[in-house]
Amino acid sequence: MIFAISLAVIFTTGLWRVVEVATRRHIQSSVQADELPLPIAFLGGALIWMAIFQWMLGETGAPIGIAKSAPFILLCGGAISFTANGWCLRNAMKRSSRLQMGAHTAALLGSALIMYAAFDHITFYADHDRVGFLDADIATEADIHCAAGYAMVRLDAGNNTAIYRCPTAFVVGNVLEEPLVPWPHYSEGSSSSLATAIHRLNSSSATLQTR
């Protein structure tokens, strides 16, 4: 559950540092330069969780479109969190604070993972006409076994090869057309046999509709 751990680390680090500054015994009348990135890091974490919440709302029956912007919010939140935690880490290194250095290093790595997961999600679903939600029974025809019971599939430009992803752990919005199956929580591969099975299924559906 690397993705879930990253979420927890980013939120916990941001909250801890903001509360730490707010509860210092000797509060300065003005904001110190090394404290500026803390609320920014917290904002990045809030955006990340807002994106996750949008996918969850989609699961509860909210309008499907509500989750369409979630990947981009997740990417922005990850970028903001990455930048702010990098800034915080630099300040912590100047103060030689090992606890802060460790916390911000973990949050920095978590933010990088979330940024990559968001970018990976966006690029996989970029061509909506070639991406679909496939039942595992169809995938089994091509000797592809997905324990989750379904797979996300994208056909290549020539429609001759199907790139599939089988969820292995962390999934958000699994009832949606484009659920979040973040890296590294999926197994990926490509199969021409799966593409053939999909074309056969589409042909059968088209035949039934014309009858």
N, C-alpha and C. Protein backbone atom coordinates (compact mmCIF):
# COMPACT_ATOMS: atom_id res chain seq x y z
N MET A 1 0.83 -1.20 0.00
CA MET A 1 0.00 0.00 0.00
C MET A 1 0.87 1.26 0.00
N ILE A 2 1.82 1.30 -0.92
CA ILE A 2 2.74 2.43 -0.98
C ILE A 2 2.01 3.74 -1.22
N PHE A 3 1.01 3.72 -2.09
CA PHE A 3 0.28 4.94 -2.41
C PHE A 3 -0.44 5.47 -1.17
N ALA A 4 -1.11 4.58 -0.43
CA ALA A 4 -1.82 4.98 0.78
C ALA A 4 -0.86 5.53 1.84
N ILE A 5 0.30 4.90 1.96
CA ILE A 5 1.32 5.37 2.91
C ILE A 5 1.79 6.77 2.52
N SER A 6 1.97 7.01 1.23
CA SER A 6 2.39 8.33 0.76
C SER A 6 1.36 9.39 1.12
N LEU A 7 0.08 9.05 0.95
CA LEU A 7 -0.99 9.98 1.32
C LEU A 7 -0.91 10.34 2.79
N ALA A 8 -0.74 9.32 3.62
CA ALA A 8 -0.70 9.53 5.07
C ALA A 8 0.51 10.35 5.48
N VAL A 9 1.67 10.06 4.88
CA VAL A 9 2.90 10.78 5.23
C VAL A 9 2.80 12.26 4.88
N ILE A 10 2.29 12.55 3.69
CA ILE A 10 2.17 13.95 3.25
C ILE A 10 1.23 14.73 4.16
N PHE A 11 0.08 14.14 4.45
CA PHE A 11 -0.90 14.84 5.30
C PHE A 11 -0.37 15.01 6.72
N THR A 12 0.20 13.96 7.28
CA THR A 12 0.69 14.01 8.66
C THR A 12 1.83 15.00 8.82
N THR A 13 2.76 14.99 7.87
CA THR A 13 3.90 15.92 7.94
C THR A 13 3.43 17.36 7.85
N GLY A 14 2.54 17.64 6.90
CA GLY A 14 2.04 19.00 6.75
C GLY A 14 1.30 19.48 7.98
N LEU A 15 0.43 18.63 8.52
CA LEU A 15 -0.35 19.00 9.70
C LEU A 15 0.56 19.20 10.91
N TRP A 16 1.51 18.29 11.10
CA TRP A 16 2.42 18.37 12.24
C TRP A 16 3.23 19.67 12.22
N ARG A 17 3.78 20.01 11.05
CA ARG A 17 4.63 21.19 10.98
C ARG A 17 3.83 22.48 11.16
N VAL A 18 2.62 22.52 10.60
CA VAL A 18 1.78 23.71 10.76
C VAL A 18 1.38 23.89 12.22
N VAL A 19 0.98 22.80 12.87
CA VAL A 19 0.61 22.87 14.29
C VAL A 19 1.83 23.22 15.14
N GLU A 20 2.98 22.67 14.78
CA GLU A 20 4.21 22.95 15.53
C GLU A 20 4.52 24.44 15.52
N VAL A 21 4.43 25.05 14.37
CA VAL A 21 4.71 26.49 14.26
C VAL A 21 3.67 27.31 15.02
N ALA A 22 2.40 26.89 14.90
CA ALA A 22 1.32 27.65 15.53
C ALA A 22 1.36 27.60 17.05
N THR A 23 1.97 26.56 17.61
CA THR A 23 1.96 26.39 19.07
C THR A 23 3.31 26.65 19.72
N ARG A 24 4.21 27.30 19.02
CA ARG A 24 5.49 27.64 19.63
C ARG A 24 5.28 28.61 20.81
N ARG A 25 6.11 28.45 21.80
CA ARG A 25 5.96 29.30 22.99
C ARG A 25 6.17 30.78 22.66
N HIS A 26 7.16 31.05 21.84
CA HIS A 26 7.47 32.43 21.51
C HIS A 26 7.06 32.68 20.06
N ILE A 27 5.83 33.07 19.89
CA ILE A 27 5.31 33.30 18.54
C ILE A 27 5.74 34.69 18.06
N GLN A 28 6.34 34.71 16.90
CA GLN A 28 6.79 35.97 16.33
C GLN A 28 5.60 36.74 15.77
N SER A 29 5.71 38.05 15.76
CA SER A 29 4.62 38.87 15.24
C SER A 29 4.52 38.79 13.72
N SER A 30 5.59 38.39 13.07
CA SER A 30 5.59 38.25 11.61
C SER A 30 6.02 36.84 11.23
N VAL A 31 5.64 36.42 10.06
CA VAL A 31 5.97 35.09 9.58
C VAL A 31 7.45 35.03 9.20
N GLN A 32 8.15 34.03 9.69
CA GLN A 32 9.55 33.86 9.37
C GLN A 32 9.69 33.26 7.97
N ALA A 33 10.81 33.56 7.33
CA ALA A 33 11.02 33.11 5.95
C ALA A 33 10.99 31.59 5.84
N ASP A 34 11.54 30.89 6.86
CA ASP A 34 11.59 29.43 6.79
C ASP A 34 10.25 28.78 7.09
N GLU A 35 9.25 29.59 7.47
CA GLU A 35 7.92 29.05 7.76
C GLU A 35 6.97 29.20 6.57
N LEU A 36 7.36 29.97 5.57
CA LEU A 36 6.49 30.23 4.43
C LEU A 36 6.06 28.97 3.68
N PRO A 37 6.94 27.98 3.47
CA PRO A 37 6.51 26.80 2.70
C PRO A 37 5.57 25.87 3.46
N LEU A 38 5.44 26.02 4.77
CA LEU A 38 4.62 25.09 5.55
C LEU A 38 3.15 25.12 5.14
N PRO A 39 2.50 26.30 5.11
CA PRO A 39 1.10 26.31 4.67
C PRO A 39 0.94 25.88 3.21
N ILE A 40 1.99 26.13 2.40
CA ILE A 40 1.93 25.71 1.00
C ILE A 40 1.95 24.18 0.92
N ALA A 41 2.80 23.56 1.74
CA ALA A 41 2.85 22.09 1.79
C ALA A 41 1.51 21.52 2.25
N PHE A 42 0.91 22.18 3.24
CA PHE A 42 -0.39 21.73 3.75
C PHE A 42 -1.46 21.87 2.66
N LEU A 43 -1.38 22.96 1.88
CA LEU A 43 -2.32 23.16 0.77
C LEU A 43 -2.18 22.05 -0.26
N GLY A 44 -0.93 21.69 -0.58
CA GLY A 44 -0.72 20.60 -1.53
C GLY A 44 -1.33 19.30 -1.04
N GLY A 45 -1.15 19.00 0.25
CA GLY A 45 -1.75 17.80 0.83
C GLY A 45 -3.26 17.84 0.78
N ALA A 46 -3.82 19.04 1.02
CA ALA A 46 -5.28 19.19 0.99
C ALA A 46 -5.83 18.94 -0.42
N LEU A 47 -5.12 19.42 -1.43
CA LEU A 47 -5.55 19.19 -2.82
C LEU A 47 -5.50 17.71 -3.18
N ILE A 48 -4.47 17.03 -2.70
CA ILE A 48 -4.34 15.59 -2.95
C ILE A 48 -5.54 14.85 -2.37
N TRP A 49 -5.87 15.16 -1.13
CA TRP A 49 -7.00 14.49 -0.48
C TRP A 49 -8.32 14.91 -1.11
N MET A 50 -8.41 16.14 -1.62
CA MET A 50 -9.62 16.57 -2.30
C MET A 50 -9.85 15.74 -3.56
N ALA A 51 -8.77 15.45 -4.28
CA ALA A 51 -8.87 14.62 -5.48
C ALA A 51 -9.36 13.21 -5.14
N ILE A 52 -8.79 12.63 -4.09
CA ILE A 52 -9.21 11.30 -3.66
C ILE A 52 -10.69 11.32 -3.26
N PHE A 53 -11.10 12.38 -2.59
CA PHE A 53 -12.49 12.51 -2.15
C PHE A 53 -13.43 12.59 -3.35
N GLN A 54 -12.99 13.24 -4.43
CA GLN A 54 -13.83 13.32 -5.63
C GLN A 54 -14.07 11.94 -6.23
N TRP A 55 -13.04 11.11 -6.27
CA TRP A 55 -13.23 9.73 -6.75
C TRP A 55 -14.20 8.98 -5.84
N MET A 56 -14.08 9.20 -4.53
CA MET A 56 -14.97 8.54 -3.58
C MET A 56 -16.41 8.99 -3.76
N LEU A 57 -16.61 10.28 -4.05
CA LEU A 57 -17.96 10.79 -4.30
C LEU A 57 -18.59 10.09 -5.51
N GLY A 58 -17.76 9.82 -6.51
CA GLY A 58 -18.26 9.11 -7.68
C GLY A 58 -18.78 7.74 -7.33
N GLU A 59 -18.15 7.09 -6.33
CA GLU A 59 -18.59 5.76 -5.90
C GLU A 59 -19.94 5.81 -5.20
N THR A 60 -20.29 6.94 -4.60
CA THR A 60 -21.52 7.04 -3.83
C THR A 60 -22.72 7.43 -4.67
N GLY A 61 -22.51 7.60 -5.97
CA GLY A 61 -23.63 7.95 -6.84
C GLY A 61 -23.67 9.40 -7.23
N ALA A 62 -22.66 10.18 -6.85
CA ALA A 62 -22.59 11.57 -7.28
C ALA A 62 -22.41 11.61 -8.79
N PRO A 63 -22.70 12.74 -9.44
CA PRO A 63 -22.52 12.82 -10.89
C PRO A 63 -21.14 12.31 -11.31
N ILE A 64 -21.11 11.47 -12.34
CA ILE A 64 -19.87 10.84 -12.77
C ILE A 64 -18.81 11.88 -13.13
N GLY A 65 -19.25 13.00 -13.70
CA GLY A 65 -18.31 14.03 -14.13
C GLY A 65 -17.52 14.64 -13.00
N ILE A 66 -17.97 14.45 -11.77
CA ILE A 66 -17.29 15.08 -10.64
C ILE A 66 -15.87 14.55 -10.48
N ALA A 67 -15.62 13.33 -10.97
CA ALA A 67 -14.28 12.74 -10.83
C ALA A 67 -13.38 13.04 -12.03
N LYS A 68 -13.90 13.70 -13.06
CA LYS A 68 -13.10 13.96 -14.26
C LYS A 68 -11.92 14.87 -13.98
N SER A 69 -12.11 15.84 -13.08
CA SER A 69 -11.02 16.78 -12.79
C SER A 69 -10.07 16.24 -11.72
N ALA A 70 -10.43 15.15 -11.07
CA ALA A 70 -9.64 14.63 -9.95
C ALA A 70 -8.19 14.32 -10.31
N PRO A 71 -7.90 13.69 -11.47
CA PRO A 71 -6.49 13.40 -11.78
C PRO A 71 -5.63 14.66 -11.89
N PHE A 72 -6.21 15.73 -12.43
CA PHE A 72 -5.46 16.97 -12.60
C PHE A 72 -5.25 17.68 -11.26
N ILE A 73 -6.26 17.59 -10.39
CA ILE A 73 -6.11 18.14 -9.04
C ILE A 73 -5.05 17.36 -8.28
N LEU A 74 -5.06 16.04 -8.46
CA LEU A 74 -4.05 15.19 -7.81
C LEU A 74 -2.65 15.55 -8.28
N LEU A 75 -2.49 15.78 -9.58
CA LEU A 75 -1.19 16.15 -10.13
C LEU A 75 -0.73 17.50 -9.60
N CYS A 76 -1.64 18.47 -9.57
CA CYS A 76 -1.30 19.80 -9.04
C CYS A 76 -0.95 19.73 -7.56
N GLY A 77 -1.75 18.99 -6.81
CA GLY A 77 -1.48 18.84 -5.38
C GLY A 77 -0.13 18.19 -5.13
N GLY A 78 0.19 17.16 -5.92
CA GLY A 78 1.48 16.50 -5.77
C GLY A 78 2.64 17.43 -6.09
N ALA A 79 2.47 18.25 -7.14
CA ALA A 79 3.53 19.19 -7.53
C ALA A 79 3.74 20.26 -6.47
N ILE A 80 2.64 20.79 -5.93
CA ILE A 80 2.74 21.81 -4.87
C ILE A 80 3.40 21.22 -3.63
N SER A 81 2.95 20.02 -3.26
CA SER A 81 3.51 19.36 -2.08
C SER A 81 5.00 19.05 -2.27
N PHE A 82 5.37 18.61 -3.47
CA PHE A 82 6.77 18.29 -3.76
C PHE A 82 7.65 19.53 -3.63
N THR A 83 7.19 20.63 -4.23
CA THR A 83 7.96 21.88 -4.19
C THR A 83 8.10 22.40 -2.76
N ALA A 84 6.98 22.44 -2.04
CA ALA A 84 7.00 22.98 -0.68
C ALA A 84 7.82 22.12 0.27
N ASN A 85 7.70 20.80 0.14
CA ASN A 85 8.47 19.92 1.03
C ASN A 85 9.96 19.95 0.70
N GLY A 86 10.29 20.18 -0.58
CA GLY A 86 11.69 20.37 -0.93
C GLY A 86 12.25 21.62 -0.29
N TRP A 87 11.45 22.67 -0.26
CA TRP A 87 11.83 23.93 0.38
C TRP A 87 11.99 23.72 1.89
N CYS A 88 11.03 23.02 2.47
CA CYS A 88 11.09 22.73 3.91
C CYS A 88 12.31 21.88 4.26
N LEU A 89 12.63 20.92 3.40
CA LEU A 89 13.79 20.06 3.64
C LEU A 89 15.08 20.88 3.61
N ARG A 90 15.16 21.81 2.69
CA ARG A 90 16.34 22.68 2.60
C ARG A 90 16.50 23.50 3.89
N ASN A 91 15.38 24.04 4.40
CA ASN A 91 15.44 24.81 5.65
C ASN A 91 15.81 23.93 6.84
N ALA A 92 15.27 22.69 6.85
CA ALA A 92 15.56 21.77 7.96
C ALA A 92 17.04 21.38 7.95
N MET A 93 17.62 21.25 6.77
CA MET A 93 19.04 20.92 6.67
C MET A 93 19.91 22.05 7.21
N LYS A 94 19.46 23.29 7.00
CA LYS A 94 20.20 24.43 7.53
C LYS A 94 20.18 24.43 9.06
N ARG A 95 19.04 23.98 9.62
CA ARG A 95 18.91 23.95 11.08
C ARG A 95 19.45 22.65 11.67
N SER A 96 19.82 21.71 10.82
CA SER A 96 20.30 20.39 11.25
C SER A 96 19.27 19.67 12.13
N SER A 97 18.00 19.82 11.76
CA SER A 97 16.92 19.15 12.50
C SER A 97 16.65 17.79 11.84
N ARG A 98 17.12 16.73 12.47
CA ARG A 98 17.01 15.40 11.88
C ARG A 98 15.56 14.94 11.73
N LEU A 99 14.73 15.24 12.74
CA LEU A 99 13.33 14.83 12.69
C LEU A 99 12.62 15.50 11.52
N GLN A 100 12.82 16.80 11.37
CA GLN A 100 12.19 17.52 10.27
C GLN A 100 12.76 17.07 8.93
N MET A 101 14.06 16.82 8.89
CA MET A 101 14.67 16.34 7.65
C MET A 101 14.08 15.00 7.23
N GLY A 102 13.91 14.10 8.18
CA GLY A 102 13.34 12.79 7.88
C GLY A 102 11.90 12.89 7.42
N ALA A 103 11.12 13.73 8.11
CA ALA A 103 9.70 13.88 7.77
C ALA A 103 9.52 14.49 6.38
N HIS A 104 10.27 15.53 6.09
CA HIS A 104 10.12 16.19 4.79
C HIS A 104 10.73 15.37 3.65
N THR A 105 11.74 14.58 3.94
CA THR A 105 12.26 13.67 2.92
C THR A 105 11.21 12.63 2.54
N ALA A 106 10.54 12.07 3.56
CA ALA A 106 9.48 11.09 3.31
C ALA A 106 8.33 11.73 2.53
N ALA A 107 7.95 12.96 2.93
CA ALA A 107 6.86 13.66 2.23
C ALA A 107 7.27 14.01 0.80
N LEU A 108 8.54 14.34 0.60
CA LEU A 108 9.04 14.66 -0.73
C LEU A 108 8.95 13.44 -1.65
N LEU A 109 9.37 12.29 -1.15
CA LEU A 109 9.30 11.05 -1.93
C LEU A 109 7.85 10.66 -2.19
N GLY A 110 6.99 10.83 -1.17
CA GLY A 110 5.58 10.52 -1.35
C GLY A 110 4.94 11.42 -2.40
N SER A 111 5.31 12.69 -2.40
CA SER A 111 4.77 13.64 -3.38
C SER A 111 5.22 13.27 -4.79
N ALA A 112 6.48 12.84 -4.92
CA ALA A 112 6.99 12.43 -6.23
C ALA A 112 6.21 11.22 -6.74
N LEU A 113 5.93 10.26 -5.86
CA LEU A 113 5.16 9.08 -6.25
C LEU A 113 3.76 9.46 -6.69
N ILE A 114 3.13 10.37 -5.96
CA ILE A 114 1.76 10.78 -6.29
C ILE A 114 1.74 11.55 -7.61
N MET A 115 2.73 12.39 -7.84
CA MET A 115 2.82 13.10 -9.12
C MET A 115 2.93 12.10 -10.27
N TYR A 116 3.79 11.11 -10.11
CA TYR A 116 3.96 10.12 -11.17
C TYR A 116 2.68 9.32 -11.38
N ALA A 117 2.03 8.93 -10.27
CA ALA A 117 0.79 8.15 -10.36
C ALA A 117 -0.29 8.94 -11.09
N ALA A 118 -0.39 10.25 -10.80
CA ALA A 118 -1.39 11.09 -11.46
C ALA A 118 -1.07 11.23 -12.95
N PHE A 119 0.19 11.48 -13.28
CA PHE A 119 0.60 11.62 -14.68
C PHE A 119 0.38 10.30 -15.43
N ASP A 120 0.71 9.19 -14.79
CA ASP A 120 0.52 7.87 -15.37
C ASP A 120 -0.96 7.61 -15.65
N HIS A 121 -1.82 8.00 -14.73
CA HIS A 121 -3.26 7.84 -14.88
C HIS A 121 -3.77 8.67 -16.06
N ILE A 122 -3.35 9.93 -16.10
CA ILE A 122 -3.81 10.85 -17.15
C ILE A 122 -3.40 10.36 -18.54
N THR A 123 -2.16 9.90 -18.68
CA THR A 123 -1.69 9.44 -19.99
C THR A 123 -2.36 8.13 -20.40
N PHE A 124 -2.65 7.25 -19.44
CA PHE A 124 -3.30 5.98 -19.78
C PHE A 124 -4.71 6.22 -20.31
N TYR A 125 -5.43 7.18 -19.72
CA TYR A 125 -6.81 7.46 -20.11
C TYR A 125 -6.92 8.60 -21.12
N ALA A 126 -5.80 9.02 -21.71
CA ALA A 126 -5.80 10.20 -22.58
C ALA A 126 -6.77 10.05 -23.76
N ASP A 127 -6.78 8.89 -24.39
CA ASP A 127 -7.68 8.66 -25.53
C ASP A 127 -8.89 7.87 -25.02
N HIS A 128 -9.94 8.60 -24.67
CA HIS A 128 -11.10 7.96 -24.04
C HIS A 128 -11.78 6.94 -24.94
N ASP A 129 -11.66 7.10 -26.25
CA ASP A 129 -12.32 6.18 -27.18
C ASP A 129 -11.64 4.82 -27.24
N ARG A 130 -10.42 4.73 -26.74
CA ARG A 130 -9.67 3.48 -26.83
C ARG A 130 -9.48 2.81 -25.47
N VAL A 131 -10.04 3.40 -24.43
CA VAL A 131 -9.87 2.86 -23.08
C VAL A 131 -11.20 2.32 -22.57
N GLY A 132 -11.15 1.20 -21.89
CA GLY A 132 -12.38 0.63 -21.36
C GLY A 132 -12.17 -0.19 -20.11
N PHE A 133 -13.29 -0.52 -19.51
CA PHE A 133 -13.36 -1.30 -18.27
C PHE A 133 -13.78 -2.70 -18.70
N LEU A 134 -12.92 -3.69 -18.51
CA LEU A 134 -13.16 -5.03 -19.05
C LEU A 134 -13.32 -6.06 -17.94
N ASP A 135 -14.37 -6.87 -18.05
CA ASP A 135 -14.59 -7.94 -17.09
C ASP A 135 -13.48 -8.99 -17.22
N ALA A 136 -13.08 -9.54 -16.10
CA ALA A 136 -11.97 -10.50 -16.09
C ALA A 136 -12.29 -11.75 -16.90
N ASP A 137 -13.57 -12.09 -17.06
CA ASP A 137 -13.94 -13.27 -17.84
C ASP A 137 -13.51 -13.12 -19.30
N ILE A 138 -13.63 -11.89 -19.82
CA ILE A 138 -13.19 -11.64 -21.20
C ILE A 138 -11.68 -11.74 -21.29
N ALA A 139 -11.01 -11.18 -20.28
CA ALA A 139 -9.54 -11.23 -20.26
C ALA A 139 -9.04 -12.67 -20.18
N THR A 140 -9.81 -13.52 -19.50
CA THR A 140 -9.40 -14.92 -19.35
C THR A 140 -9.34 -15.63 -20.70
N GLU A 141 -10.17 -15.20 -21.65
CA GLU A 141 -10.14 -15.79 -22.99
C GLU A 141 -8.77 -15.62 -23.64
N ALA A 142 -8.07 -14.55 -23.24
CA ALA A 142 -6.73 -14.29 -23.78
C ALA A 142 -5.65 -14.77 -22.81
N ASP A 143 -6.06 -15.63 -21.87
CA ASP A 143 -5.14 -16.20 -20.88
C ASP A 143 -4.53 -15.12 -19.97
N ILE A 144 -5.35 -14.11 -19.66
CA ILE A 144 -4.94 -13.05 -18.74
C ILE A 144 -5.85 -13.15 -17.52
N HIS A 145 -5.27 -13.31 -16.36
CA HIS A 145 -6.05 -13.53 -15.15
C HIS A 145 -5.88 -12.35 -14.19
N CYS A 146 -6.99 -11.71 -13.88
CA CYS A 146 -6.99 -10.56 -12.97
C CYS A 146 -7.77 -10.93 -11.72
N ALA A 147 -7.08 -10.97 -10.60
CA ALA A 147 -7.71 -11.37 -9.35
C ALA A 147 -8.78 -10.38 -8.90
N ALA A 148 -8.68 -9.13 -9.34
CA ALA A 148 -9.64 -8.10 -8.92
C ALA A 148 -11.00 -8.29 -9.58
N GLY A 149 -11.07 -9.12 -10.63
CA GLY A 149 -12.34 -9.36 -11.31
C GLY A 149 -12.56 -8.46 -12.51
N TYR A 150 -11.65 -7.54 -12.76
CA TYR A 150 -11.76 -6.65 -13.91
C TYR A 150 -10.37 -6.12 -14.26
N ALA A 151 -10.29 -5.52 -15.43
CA ALA A 151 -9.02 -4.92 -15.87
C ALA A 151 -9.33 -3.64 -16.63
N MET A 152 -8.40 -2.71 -16.59
CA MET A 152 -8.49 -1.52 -17.42
C MET A 152 -7.70 -1.81 -18.69
N VAL A 153 -8.31 -1.52 -19.84
CA VAL A 153 -7.69 -1.89 -21.12
C VAL A 153 -7.65 -0.68 -22.05
N ARG A 154 -6.53 -0.54 -22.76
CA ARG A 154 -6.39 0.50 -23.77
C ARG A 154 -5.87 -0.12 -25.06
N LEU A 155 -6.58 0.12 -26.15
CA LEU A 155 -6.14 -0.38 -27.45
C LEU A 155 -5.10 0.57 -28.04
N ASP A 156 -4.11 0.00 -28.75
CA ASP A 156 -3.10 0.85 -29.37
C ASP A 156 -3.68 1.54 -30.60
N ALA A 157 -2.88 2.38 -31.24
CA ALA A 157 -3.37 3.18 -32.36
C ALA A 157 -3.91 2.33 -33.50
N GLY A 158 -3.33 1.15 -33.70
CA GLY A 158 -3.79 0.29 -34.78
C GLY A 158 -4.89 -0.67 -34.38
N ASN A 159 -5.30 -0.62 -33.11
CA ASN A 159 -6.33 -1.52 -32.57
C ASN A 159 -5.93 -2.99 -32.63
N ASN A 160 -4.64 -3.26 -32.76
CA ASN A 160 -4.18 -4.64 -32.87
C ASN A 160 -3.64 -5.21 -31.56
N THR A 161 -3.32 -4.34 -30.63
CA THR A 161 -2.76 -4.76 -29.35
C THR A 161 -3.49 -4.05 -28.22
N ALA A 162 -3.79 -4.79 -27.17
CA ALA A 162 -4.45 -4.22 -26.00
C ALA A 162 -3.45 -4.15 -24.84
N ILE A 163 -3.33 -2.98 -24.26
CA ILE A 163 -2.51 -2.80 -23.06
C ILE A 163 -3.45 -2.88 -21.87
N TYR A 164 -3.18 -3.78 -20.97
CA TYR A 164 -4.10 -4.00 -19.85
C TYR A 164 -3.41 -3.74 -18.51
N ARG A 165 -4.24 -3.37 -17.54
CA ARG A 165 -3.77 -3.18 -16.17
C ARG A 165 -4.73 -3.90 -15.23
N CYS A 166 -4.19 -4.81 -14.44
CA CYS A 166 -4.97 -5.54 -13.45
C CYS A 166 -4.66 -4.96 -12.07
N PRO A 167 -5.65 -4.40 -11.37
CA PRO A 167 -5.41 -3.85 -10.03
C PRO A 167 -4.92 -4.94 -9.08
N THR A 168 -3.98 -4.58 -8.22
CA THR A 168 -3.45 -5.54 -7.25
C THR A 168 -3.71 -5.14 -5.81
N ALA A 169 -4.00 -3.86 -5.56
CA ALA A 169 -4.19 -3.45 -4.16
C ALA A 169 -5.09 -2.23 -4.06
N PHE A 170 -4.52 -1.06 -4.22
CA PHE A 170 -5.21 0.20 -3.95
C PHE A 170 -6.01 0.66 -5.17
N VAL A 171 -7.34 0.79 -5.00
CA VAL A 171 -8.22 1.27 -6.07
C VAL A 171 -9.22 2.25 -5.46
N VAL A 172 -9.42 3.37 -6.14
CA VAL A 172 -10.44 4.33 -5.71
C VAL A 172 -11.38 4.57 -6.88
N GLY A 173 -12.68 4.46 -6.63
CA GLY A 173 -13.66 4.68 -7.68
C GLY A 173 -13.81 3.50 -8.61
N ASN A 174 -13.80 2.29 -8.06
CA ASN A 174 -13.82 1.10 -8.92
C ASN A 174 -15.14 0.88 -9.64
N VAL A 175 -16.17 1.70 -9.35
CA VAL A 175 -17.42 1.59 -10.09
C VAL A 175 -17.48 2.63 -11.21
N LEU A 176 -16.46 3.45 -11.33
CA LEU A 176 -16.43 4.50 -12.34
C LEU A 176 -15.79 3.99 -13.63
N GLU A 177 -15.97 4.75 -14.70
CA GLU A 177 -15.37 4.38 -15.98
C GLU A 177 -13.86 4.49 -15.94
N GLU A 178 -13.36 5.43 -15.15
CA GLU A 178 -11.91 5.66 -15.06
C GLU A 178 -11.47 5.65 -13.59
N PRO A 179 -11.47 4.49 -12.97
CA PRO A 179 -11.06 4.42 -11.56
C PRO A 179 -9.57 4.73 -11.40
N LEU A 180 -9.21 5.18 -10.22
CA LEU A 180 -7.80 5.43 -9.93
C LEU A 180 -7.15 4.12 -9.51
N VAL A 181 -6.29 3.63 -10.37
CA VAL A 181 -5.49 2.43 -10.07
C VAL A 181 -4.04 2.88 -10.12
N PRO A 182 -3.54 3.45 -9.04
CA PRO A 182 -2.24 4.13 -9.09
C PRO A 182 -1.05 3.18 -9.15
N TRP A 183 -0.01 3.63 -9.85
CA TRP A 183 1.26 2.92 -9.81
C TRP A 183 1.77 2.98 -8.38
N PRO A 184 2.30 1.89 -7.83
CA PRO A 184 2.65 0.62 -8.48
C PRO A 184 1.64 -0.49 -8.21
N HIS A 185 0.37 -0.13 -7.96
CA HIS A 185 -0.61 -1.12 -7.52
C HIS A 185 -1.39 -1.74 -8.68
N TYR A 186 -0.67 -2.13 -9.73
CA TYR A 186 -1.29 -2.86 -10.83
C TYR A 186 -0.22 -3.66 -11.55
N SER A 187 -0.67 -4.70 -12.22
CA SER A 187 0.23 -5.46 -13.09
C SER A 187 -0.16 -5.11 -14.53
N GLU A 188 0.83 -4.82 -15.35
CA GLU A 188 0.56 -4.33 -16.70
C GLU A 188 1.18 -5.25 -17.74
N GLY A 189 0.51 -5.33 -18.87
CA GLY A 189 1.04 -6.12 -19.97
C GLY A 189 0.33 -5.75 -21.26
N SER A 190 0.70 -6.38 -22.34
CA SER A 190 0.05 -6.15 -23.63
C SER A 190 -0.25 -7.49 -24.28
N SER A 191 -1.31 -7.52 -25.07
CA SER A 191 -1.73 -8.78 -25.67
C SER A 191 -2.52 -8.53 -26.95
N SER A 192 -2.11 -9.17 -28.02
CA SER A 192 -2.86 -9.10 -29.27
C SER A 192 -4.10 -9.99 -29.17
N SER A 193 -4.00 -11.07 -28.40
CA SER A 193 -5.15 -11.97 -28.22
C SER A 193 -6.28 -11.26 -27.49
N LEU A 194 -5.94 -10.41 -26.54
CA LEU A 194 -6.95 -9.66 -25.82
C LEU A 194 -7.64 -8.66 -26.74
N ALA A 195 -6.87 -8.03 -27.61
CA ALA A 195 -7.45 -7.10 -28.58
C ALA A 195 -8.45 -7.83 -29.48
N THR A 196 -8.10 -9.05 -29.90
CA THR A 196 -8.99 -9.85 -30.73
C THR A 196 -10.27 -10.19 -29.98
N ALA A 197 -10.15 -10.54 -28.70
CA ALA A 197 -11.32 -10.86 -27.88
C ALA A 197 -12.23 -9.64 -27.73
N ILE A 198 -11.64 -8.47 -27.59
CA ILE A 198 -12.43 -7.24 -27.46
C ILE A 198 -13.17 -6.94 -28.75
N HIS A 199 -12.49 -7.09 -29.89
CA HIS A 199 -13.13 -6.85 -31.19
C HIS A 199 -14.28 -7.83 -31.40
N ARG A 200 -14.10 -9.08 -31.00
CA ARG A 200 -15.15 -10.07 -31.14
C ARG A 200 -16.35 -9.70 -30.26
N LEU A 201 -16.07 -9.22 -29.05
CA LEU A 201 -17.14 -8.80 -28.15
C LEU A 201 -17.89 -7.61 -28.72
N ASN A 202 -17.16 -6.64 -29.27
CA ASN A 202 -17.80 -5.46 -29.86
C ASN A 202 -18.64 -5.83 -31.07
N SER A 203 -18.15 -6.78 -31.87
CA SER A 203 -18.90 -7.22 -33.05
C SER A 203 -20.19 -7.92 -32.64
N SER A 204 -20.12 -8.72 -31.58
CA SER A 204 -21.31 -9.42 -31.09
C SER A 204 -22.34 -8.42 -30.57
N SER A 205 -21.86 -7.39 -29.88
CA SER A 205 -22.77 -6.37 -29.34
C SER A 205 -23.44 -5.60 -30.47
N ALA A 206 -22.67 -5.28 -31.51
CA ALA A 206 -23.22 -4.56 -32.65
C ALA A 206 -24.26 -5.40 -33.38
N THR A 207 -24.01 -6.71 -33.48
CA THR A 207 -24.96 -7.61 -34.14
C THR A 207 -26.27 -7.69 -33.36
N LEU A 208 -26.17 -7.77 -32.04
CA LEU A 208 -27.36 -7.84 -31.20
C LEU A 208 -28.18 -6.56 -31.30
N GLN A 209 -27.52 -5.41 -31.42
CA GLN A 209 -28.23 -4.14 -31.48
C GLN A 209 -28.99 -3.97 -32.79
N THR A 210 -28.51 -4.59 -33.87
CA THR A 210 -29.17 -4.45 -35.17
C THR A 210 -30.34 -5.41 -35.34
N ARG A 211 -30.48 -6.36 -34.43
CA ARG A 211 -31.58 -7.33 -34.55
C ARG A 211 -32.87 -6.76 -33.99
